[in-house]
Amino acid sequence: QNLGLKMTGIPAINWVYANGLGERDPASITDHDVLTAIEFDKTGEFLSVGDKGGRVIVFKRIRSKKKSRVDDFEYFTEFQSHEPGFDYLKSAEIEEKINSIEWINNKSSSLQLLSANDKTIKLWKLFYNKKKKYQS
């Protein structure tokens, strides 16, 4: 799809769907599997997606040795961020659906992100140790 951003002086972006996520059989896909939020971290190394089931799935960029215009991401981690709930003051059910994801810049070794549904914002810390290669 071409996102025509030429009016703002930014060249148009051509998006290409190159891979799938999760179930391939349409009969196995449920309403909870529909993606509702997507966000890259500030470096572009991590991609997080949220779905209607309240899950957050994080992917890490794969560095290819070949020059390529297409970036690939591999599964990094997944967690249940929100559960369905009930707001007793408003007498309303709260969906677990992820409405928003935001990565937080920090200088520590952990990755931090916020996830939000209709009522709650949660802060998550993901610990990530880069593999160090030693040669003798």
N, C-alpha and C. Protein backbone atom coordinates (compact mmCIF):
# COMPACT_ATOMS: atom_id res chain seq x y z
N GLN A 1 0.85 -1.17 0.00
CA GLN A 1 0.00 0.00 0.00
C GLN A 1 0.90 1.23 0.00
N ASN A 2 0.51 2.21 -0.74
CA ASN A 2 1.29 3.44 -0.83
C ASN A 2 0.65 4.48 0.08
N LEU A 3 1.40 4.91 1.08
CA LEU A 3 0.92 5.95 1.98
C LEU A 3 1.39 7.28 1.41
N GLY A 4 0.53 7.98 0.70
CA GLY A 4 0.91 9.21 0.02
C GLY A 4 1.19 10.34 0.99
N LEU A 5 2.44 10.49 1.37
CA LEU A 5 2.83 11.55 2.29
C LEU A 5 3.60 12.64 1.56
N LYS A 6 3.42 12.74 0.24
CA LYS A 6 4.17 13.70 -0.55
C LYS A 6 3.78 15.13 -0.21
N MET A 7 2.58 15.34 0.32
CA MET A 7 2.13 16.69 0.64
C MET A 7 2.98 17.32 1.73
N THR A 8 3.54 16.51 2.61
CA THR A 8 4.33 17.05 3.72
C THR A 8 5.81 17.10 3.40
N GLY A 9 6.19 16.75 2.18
CA GLY A 9 7.59 16.76 1.82
C GLY A 9 8.30 15.46 2.12
N ILE A 10 7.59 14.50 2.70
CA ILE A 10 8.16 13.20 3.00
C ILE A 10 7.84 12.28 1.82
N PRO A 11 8.84 11.55 1.32
CA PRO A 11 8.56 10.67 0.18
C PRO A 11 7.55 9.59 0.56
N ALA A 12 6.82 9.09 -0.42
CA ALA A 12 5.82 8.05 -0.19
C ALA A 12 6.48 6.78 0.29
N ILE A 13 5.80 6.04 1.15
CA ILE A 13 6.30 4.78 1.69
C ILE A 13 5.54 3.65 1.01
N ASN A 14 6.25 2.70 0.46
CA ASN A 14 5.62 1.54 -0.15
C ASN A 14 5.76 0.35 0.79
N TRP A 15 4.65 -0.08 1.39
CA TRP A 15 4.65 -1.21 2.32
C TRP A 15 4.43 -2.48 1.53
N VAL A 16 5.15 -3.54 1.90
CA VAL A 16 5.02 -4.83 1.26
C VAL A 16 4.76 -5.87 2.33
N TYR A 17 3.69 -6.64 2.18
CA TYR A 17 3.41 -7.73 3.11
C TYR A 17 4.26 -8.91 2.71
N ALA A 18 5.20 -9.32 3.55
CA ALA A 18 6.16 -10.36 3.19
C ALA A 18 6.02 -11.63 4.02
N ASN A 19 5.30 -11.60 5.12
CA ASN A 19 5.22 -12.77 5.97
C ASN A 19 3.95 -12.70 6.80
N GLY A 20 3.62 -13.79 7.47
CA GLY A 20 2.43 -13.83 8.30
C GLY A 20 2.78 -14.04 9.75
N LEU A 21 1.78 -13.93 10.60
CA LEU A 21 1.95 -14.08 12.04
C LEU A 21 0.90 -15.04 12.54
N GLY A 22 1.31 -16.05 13.27
CA GLY A 22 0.35 -16.94 13.92
C GLY A 22 -0.25 -17.97 12.99
N GLU A 23 -1.51 -18.24 13.21
CA GLU A 23 -2.23 -19.29 12.48
C GLU A 23 -2.36 -18.97 11.00
N ARG A 24 -2.19 -19.99 10.18
CA ARG A 24 -2.35 -19.83 8.73
C ARG A 24 -3.73 -20.28 8.27
N ASP A 25 -4.36 -21.15 9.05
CA ASP A 25 -5.67 -21.67 8.69
C ASP A 25 -6.74 -20.68 9.12
N PRO A 26 -7.49 -20.09 8.19
CA PRO A 26 -8.51 -19.09 8.55
C PRO A 26 -9.55 -19.60 9.55
N ALA A 27 -9.80 -20.90 9.57
CA ALA A 27 -10.77 -21.47 10.50
C ALA A 27 -10.26 -21.43 11.94
N SER A 28 -8.92 -21.36 12.13
CA SER A 28 -8.33 -21.35 13.47
C SER A 28 -8.21 -19.95 14.06
N ILE A 29 -8.40 -18.93 13.24
CA ILE A 29 -8.25 -17.55 13.70
C ILE A 29 -9.53 -17.12 14.41
N THR A 30 -9.36 -16.58 15.62
CA THR A 30 -10.51 -16.10 16.39
C THR A 30 -10.49 -14.58 16.44
N ASP A 31 -11.54 -14.01 16.98
CA ASP A 31 -11.63 -12.56 17.13
C ASP A 31 -10.52 -12.03 18.04
N HIS A 32 -10.08 -12.84 19.00
CA HIS A 32 -9.02 -12.43 19.92
C HIS A 32 -7.66 -12.30 19.24
N ASP A 33 -7.50 -12.89 18.04
CA ASP A 33 -6.23 -12.86 17.32
C ASP A 33 -6.06 -11.61 16.47
N VAL A 34 -7.07 -10.78 16.37
CA VAL A 34 -7.00 -9.57 15.54
C VAL A 34 -6.08 -8.55 16.20
N LEU A 35 -5.10 -8.05 15.43
CA LEU A 35 -4.15 -7.07 15.96
C LEU A 35 -4.82 -5.71 16.12
N THR A 36 -4.58 -5.05 17.26
CA THR A 36 -5.21 -3.76 17.55
C THR A 36 -4.21 -2.65 17.81
N ALA A 37 -2.93 -2.98 17.99
CA ALA A 37 -1.90 -1.96 18.24
C ALA A 37 -0.57 -2.48 17.73
N ILE A 38 0.26 -1.57 17.24
CA ILE A 38 1.58 -1.93 16.75
C ILE A 38 2.52 -0.75 17.00
N GLU A 39 3.77 -1.06 17.42
CA GLU A 39 4.71 0.02 17.75
C GLU A 39 6.14 -0.50 17.64
N PHE A 40 7.00 0.26 16.97
CA PHE A 40 8.43 0.01 16.95
C PHE A 40 9.07 0.74 18.12
N ASP A 41 10.17 0.19 18.66
CA ASP A 41 10.92 0.95 19.64
C ASP A 41 11.70 2.04 18.90
N LYS A 42 12.34 2.93 19.63
CA LYS A 42 12.99 4.10 19.02
C LYS A 42 14.16 3.72 18.10
N THR A 43 14.79 2.55 18.34
CA THR A 43 15.91 2.13 17.52
C THR A 43 15.47 1.34 16.29
N GLY A 44 14.23 0.86 16.29
CA GLY A 44 13.75 0.03 15.20
C GLY A 44 14.16 -1.43 15.33
N GLU A 45 14.81 -1.77 16.44
CA GLU A 45 15.26 -3.14 16.67
C GLU A 45 14.14 -4.06 17.16
N PHE A 46 13.15 -3.49 17.82
CA PHE A 46 12.06 -4.28 18.39
C PHE A 46 10.73 -3.78 17.87
N LEU A 47 9.83 -4.71 17.64
CA LEU A 47 8.47 -4.42 17.18
C LEU A 47 7.51 -5.11 18.14
N SER A 48 6.55 -4.36 18.65
CA SER A 48 5.55 -4.97 19.53
C SER A 48 4.18 -4.82 18.91
N VAL A 49 3.36 -5.85 19.07
CA VAL A 49 1.98 -5.82 18.60
C VAL A 49 1.07 -6.26 19.73
N GLY A 50 -0.12 -5.67 19.79
CA GLY A 50 -1.13 -6.06 20.77
C GLY A 50 -2.35 -6.55 20.04
N ASP A 51 -3.14 -7.40 20.68
CA ASP A 51 -4.33 -7.93 20.02
C ASP A 51 -5.56 -7.79 20.89
N LYS A 52 -6.71 -8.21 20.34
CA LYS A 52 -7.98 -8.11 21.06
C LYS A 52 -8.03 -9.02 22.27
N GLY A 53 -7.18 -10.03 22.31
CA GLY A 53 -7.14 -10.97 23.43
C GLY A 53 -6.30 -10.47 24.60
N GLY A 54 -5.74 -9.24 24.50
CA GLY A 54 -4.96 -8.68 25.59
C GLY A 54 -3.51 -9.10 25.61
N ARG A 55 -3.05 -9.76 24.55
CA ARG A 55 -1.66 -10.22 24.48
C ARG A 55 -0.78 -9.16 23.84
N VAL A 56 0.48 -9.14 24.28
CA VAL A 56 1.51 -8.32 23.64
C VAL A 56 2.57 -9.30 23.15
N ILE A 57 2.93 -9.19 21.86
CA ILE A 57 3.94 -10.04 21.26
C ILE A 57 5.07 -9.13 20.80
N VAL A 58 6.30 -9.48 21.14
CA VAL A 58 7.46 -8.66 20.80
C VAL A 58 8.35 -9.44 19.84
N PHE A 59 8.81 -8.75 18.80
CA PHE A 59 9.70 -9.32 17.80
C PHE A 59 11.00 -8.53 17.79
N LYS A 60 12.09 -9.20 17.42
CA LYS A 60 13.41 -8.57 17.34
C LYS A 60 13.89 -8.64 15.89
N ARG A 61 14.49 -7.55 15.43
CA ARG A 61 15.00 -7.48 14.06
C ARG A 61 16.13 -8.49 13.86
N ILE A 62 16.12 -9.15 12.72
CA ILE A 62 17.19 -10.07 12.34
C ILE A 62 18.13 -9.31 11.41
N ARG A 63 19.39 -9.30 11.76
CA ARG A 63 20.39 -8.64 10.93
C ARG A 63 20.86 -9.61 9.85
N SER A 64 20.62 -9.27 8.61
CA SER A 64 21.04 -10.10 7.49
C SER A 64 22.44 -9.70 7.05
N LYS A 65 23.22 -10.67 6.64
CA LYS A 65 24.56 -10.38 6.15
C LYS A 65 24.50 -9.82 4.73
N LYS A 66 23.41 -10.10 4.03
CA LYS A 66 23.22 -9.58 2.68
C LYS A 66 22.53 -8.23 2.77
N LYS A 67 22.80 -7.38 1.81
CA LYS A 67 22.08 -6.11 1.74
C LYS A 67 20.66 -6.40 1.25
N SER A 68 19.69 -5.92 1.97
CA SER A 68 18.31 -6.15 1.60
C SER A 68 17.47 -4.94 1.98
N ARG A 69 16.45 -4.69 1.20
CA ARG A 69 15.55 -3.58 1.51
C ARG A 69 14.44 -4.03 2.45
N VAL A 70 14.35 -5.33 2.69
CA VAL A 70 13.30 -5.88 3.54
C VAL A 70 13.89 -6.30 4.87
N ASP A 71 13.35 -5.80 5.96
CA ASP A 71 13.77 -6.22 7.30
C ASP A 71 12.92 -7.40 7.74
N ASP A 72 13.55 -8.33 8.42
CA ASP A 72 12.83 -9.48 8.94
C ASP A 72 12.92 -9.45 10.46
N PHE A 73 11.87 -9.92 11.11
CA PHE A 73 11.81 -9.95 12.56
C PHE A 73 11.51 -11.36 13.02
N GLU A 74 12.13 -11.76 14.14
CA GLU A 74 11.87 -13.06 14.72
C GLU A 74 11.18 -12.89 16.07
N TYR A 75 10.46 -13.92 16.47
CA TYR A 75 9.75 -13.92 17.75
C TYR A 75 10.74 -13.70 18.88
N PHE A 76 10.43 -12.80 19.80
CA PHE A 76 11.28 -12.51 20.95
C PHE A 76 10.60 -12.96 22.24
N THR A 77 9.39 -12.48 22.50
CA THR A 77 8.64 -12.89 23.69
C THR A 77 7.17 -12.53 23.51
N GLU A 78 6.36 -13.07 24.40
CA GLU A 78 4.91 -12.81 24.39
C GLU A 78 4.41 -12.88 25.82
N PHE A 79 3.44 -12.03 26.16
CA PHE A 79 2.86 -12.09 27.50
C PHE A 79 1.42 -11.59 27.46
N GLN A 80 0.65 -12.05 28.45
CA GLN A 80 -0.73 -11.62 28.60
C GLN A 80 -0.72 -10.31 29.39
N SER A 81 -1.04 -9.22 28.73
CA SER A 81 -0.97 -7.91 29.34
C SER A 81 -2.24 -7.57 30.12
N HIS A 82 -3.38 -7.79 29.52
CA HIS A 82 -4.65 -7.42 30.15
C HIS A 82 -5.64 -8.58 30.10
N GLU A 83 -6.47 -8.64 31.11
CA GLU A 83 -7.55 -9.62 31.22
C GLU A 83 -8.88 -8.87 31.19
N PRO A 84 -9.96 -9.54 30.79
CA PRO A 84 -11.26 -8.85 30.84
C PRO A 84 -11.61 -8.51 32.30
N GLY A 85 -12.30 -7.42 32.48
CA GLY A 85 -12.65 -6.99 33.83
C GLY A 85 -14.02 -6.32 33.85
N PHE A 86 -14.36 -5.78 35.01
CA PHE A 86 -15.65 -5.12 35.17
C PHE A 86 -15.44 -3.84 35.96
N ASP A 87 -15.97 -2.75 35.46
CA ASP A 87 -15.91 -1.45 36.15
C ASP A 87 -17.20 -1.33 36.96
N TYR A 88 -17.09 -1.48 38.29
CA TYR A 88 -18.27 -1.47 39.15
C TYR A 88 -18.88 -0.08 39.27
N LEU A 89 -18.09 0.97 39.13
CA LEU A 89 -18.63 2.33 39.21
C LEU A 89 -19.48 2.67 38.00
N LYS A 90 -19.07 2.20 36.81
CA LYS A 90 -19.81 2.49 35.58
C LYS A 90 -20.72 1.34 35.17
N SER A 91 -20.66 0.23 35.90
CA SER A 91 -21.41 -0.98 35.57
C SER A 91 -21.18 -1.37 34.12
N ALA A 92 -19.92 -1.46 33.74
CA ALA A 92 -19.57 -1.79 32.36
C ALA A 92 -18.43 -2.80 32.34
N GLU A 93 -18.47 -3.69 31.35
CA GLU A 93 -17.39 -4.64 31.17
C GLU A 93 -16.22 -3.95 30.49
N ILE A 94 -15.02 -4.32 30.88
CA ILE A 94 -13.79 -3.77 30.30
C ILE A 94 -13.16 -4.87 29.45
N GLU A 95 -12.99 -4.58 28.17
CA GLU A 95 -12.36 -5.54 27.27
C GLU A 95 -10.87 -5.63 27.56
N GLU A 96 -10.29 -6.77 27.23
CA GLU A 96 -8.86 -6.96 27.42
C GLU A 96 -8.07 -6.40 26.23
N LYS A 97 -8.74 -5.96 25.20
CA LYS A 97 -8.12 -5.48 23.95
C LYS A 97 -7.05 -4.42 24.23
N ILE A 98 -5.89 -4.58 23.59
CA ILE A 98 -4.80 -3.60 23.70
C ILE A 98 -5.12 -2.43 22.78
N ASN A 99 -5.25 -1.25 23.35
CA ASN A 99 -5.53 -0.05 22.56
C ASN A 99 -4.27 0.67 22.13
N SER A 100 -3.23 0.58 22.96
CA SER A 100 -2.02 1.34 22.68
C SER A 100 -0.81 0.67 23.30
N ILE A 101 0.32 0.76 22.58
CA ILE A 101 1.61 0.30 23.07
C ILE A 101 2.61 1.43 22.84
N GLU A 102 3.46 1.67 23.82
CA GLU A 102 4.47 2.72 23.69
C GLU A 102 5.77 2.23 24.33
N TRP A 103 6.86 2.29 23.57
CA TRP A 103 8.18 1.95 24.11
C TRP A 103 8.72 3.15 24.88
N ILE A 104 9.46 2.87 25.95
CA ILE A 104 10.03 3.93 26.78
C ILE A 104 11.54 3.92 26.59
N ASN A 105 12.10 5.09 26.33
CA ASN A 105 13.56 5.22 26.24
C ASN A 105 14.16 5.11 27.63
N ASN A 106 15.17 4.28 27.75
CA ASN A 106 15.88 4.19 29.02
C ASN A 106 17.32 3.78 28.76
N LYS A 107 18.16 4.01 29.72
CA LYS A 107 19.58 3.72 29.57
C LYS A 107 19.98 2.40 30.22
N SER A 108 19.04 1.67 30.79
CA SER A 108 19.38 0.41 31.46
C SER A 108 19.37 -0.74 30.46
N SER A 109 19.70 -1.94 30.93
CA SER A 109 19.76 -3.11 30.06
C SER A 109 18.38 -3.70 29.79
N SER A 110 17.36 -3.21 30.47
CA SER A 110 16.02 -3.75 30.26
C SER A 110 15.26 -2.91 29.23
N LEU A 111 14.36 -3.57 28.53
CA LEU A 111 13.46 -2.88 27.62
C LEU A 111 12.19 -2.57 28.39
N GLN A 112 11.62 -1.40 28.19
CA GLN A 112 10.40 -1.04 28.90
C GLN A 112 9.34 -0.59 27.90
N LEU A 113 8.11 -1.05 28.14
CA LEU A 113 7.01 -0.59 27.31
C LEU A 113 5.75 -0.46 28.13
N LEU A 114 4.87 0.41 27.65
CA LEU A 114 3.56 0.61 28.25
C LEU A 114 2.52 -0.05 27.36
N SER A 115 1.53 -0.68 27.97
CA SER A 115 0.38 -1.20 27.22
C SER A 115 -0.88 -0.71 27.93
N ALA A 116 -1.90 -0.41 27.14
CA ALA A 116 -3.13 0.14 27.72
C ALA A 116 -4.36 -0.48 27.08
N ASN A 117 -5.36 -0.73 27.92
CA ASN A 117 -6.69 -1.06 27.41
C ASN A 117 -7.60 0.12 27.73
N ASP A 118 -8.91 -0.08 27.81
CA ASP A 118 -9.83 1.04 28.05
C ASP A 118 -9.72 1.63 29.45
N LYS A 119 -9.13 0.91 30.40
CA LYS A 119 -9.11 1.38 31.78
C LYS A 119 -7.72 1.46 32.41
N THR A 120 -6.83 0.55 32.04
CA THR A 120 -5.57 0.40 32.76
C THR A 120 -4.37 0.58 31.85
N ILE A 121 -3.35 1.27 32.36
CA ILE A 121 -2.06 1.38 31.69
C ILE A 121 -1.07 0.58 32.52
N LYS A 122 -0.31 -0.30 31.86
CA LYS A 122 0.65 -1.14 32.57
C LYS A 122 2.05 -0.90 32.03
N LEU A 123 3.02 -0.90 32.94
CA LEU A 123 4.43 -0.76 32.60
C LEU A 123 5.07 -2.15 32.65
N TRP A 124 5.76 -2.51 31.59
CA TRP A 124 6.41 -3.82 31.50
C TRP A 124 7.91 -3.63 31.32
N LYS A 125 8.70 -4.45 32.04
CA LYS A 125 10.15 -4.47 31.88
C LYS A 125 10.52 -5.82 31.27
N LEU A 126 11.21 -5.77 30.16
CA LEU A 126 11.69 -6.98 29.51
C LEU A 126 13.21 -6.98 29.61
N PHE A 127 13.76 -8.00 30.24
CA PHE A 127 15.21 -8.06 30.40
C PHE A 127 15.81 -8.79 29.21
N TYR A 128 16.84 -8.20 28.67
CA TYR A 128 17.45 -8.70 27.45
C TYR A 128 18.96 -8.63 27.60
N ASN A 129 19.60 -9.77 27.52
CA ASN A 129 21.07 -9.82 27.60
C ASN A 129 21.62 -10.10 26.21
N LYS A 130 22.40 -9.17 25.71
CA LYS A 130 23.03 -9.37 24.41
C LYS A 130 24.11 -10.43 24.57
N LYS A 131 24.18 -11.32 23.60
CA LYS A 131 25.20 -12.36 23.63
C LYS A 131 26.53 -11.74 23.27
N LYS A 132 27.52 -12.01 24.11
CA LYS A 132 28.87 -11.51 23.84
C LYS A 132 29.69 -12.64 23.27
N LYS A 133 30.40 -12.36 22.17
CA LYS A 133 31.23 -13.36 21.55
C LYS A 133 32.69 -13.06 21.87
N TYR A 134 33.35 -14.06 22.39
CA TYR A 134 34.77 -13.93 22.74
C TYR A 134 35.57 -14.83 21.82
N GLN A 135 36.68 -14.31 21.35
CA GLN A 135 37.58 -15.11 20.54
C GLN A 135 38.92 -15.19 21.23
N SER A 136 39.56 -16.35 21.12
CA SER A 136 40.88 -16.49 21.74
C SER A 136 41.96 -16.58 20.69
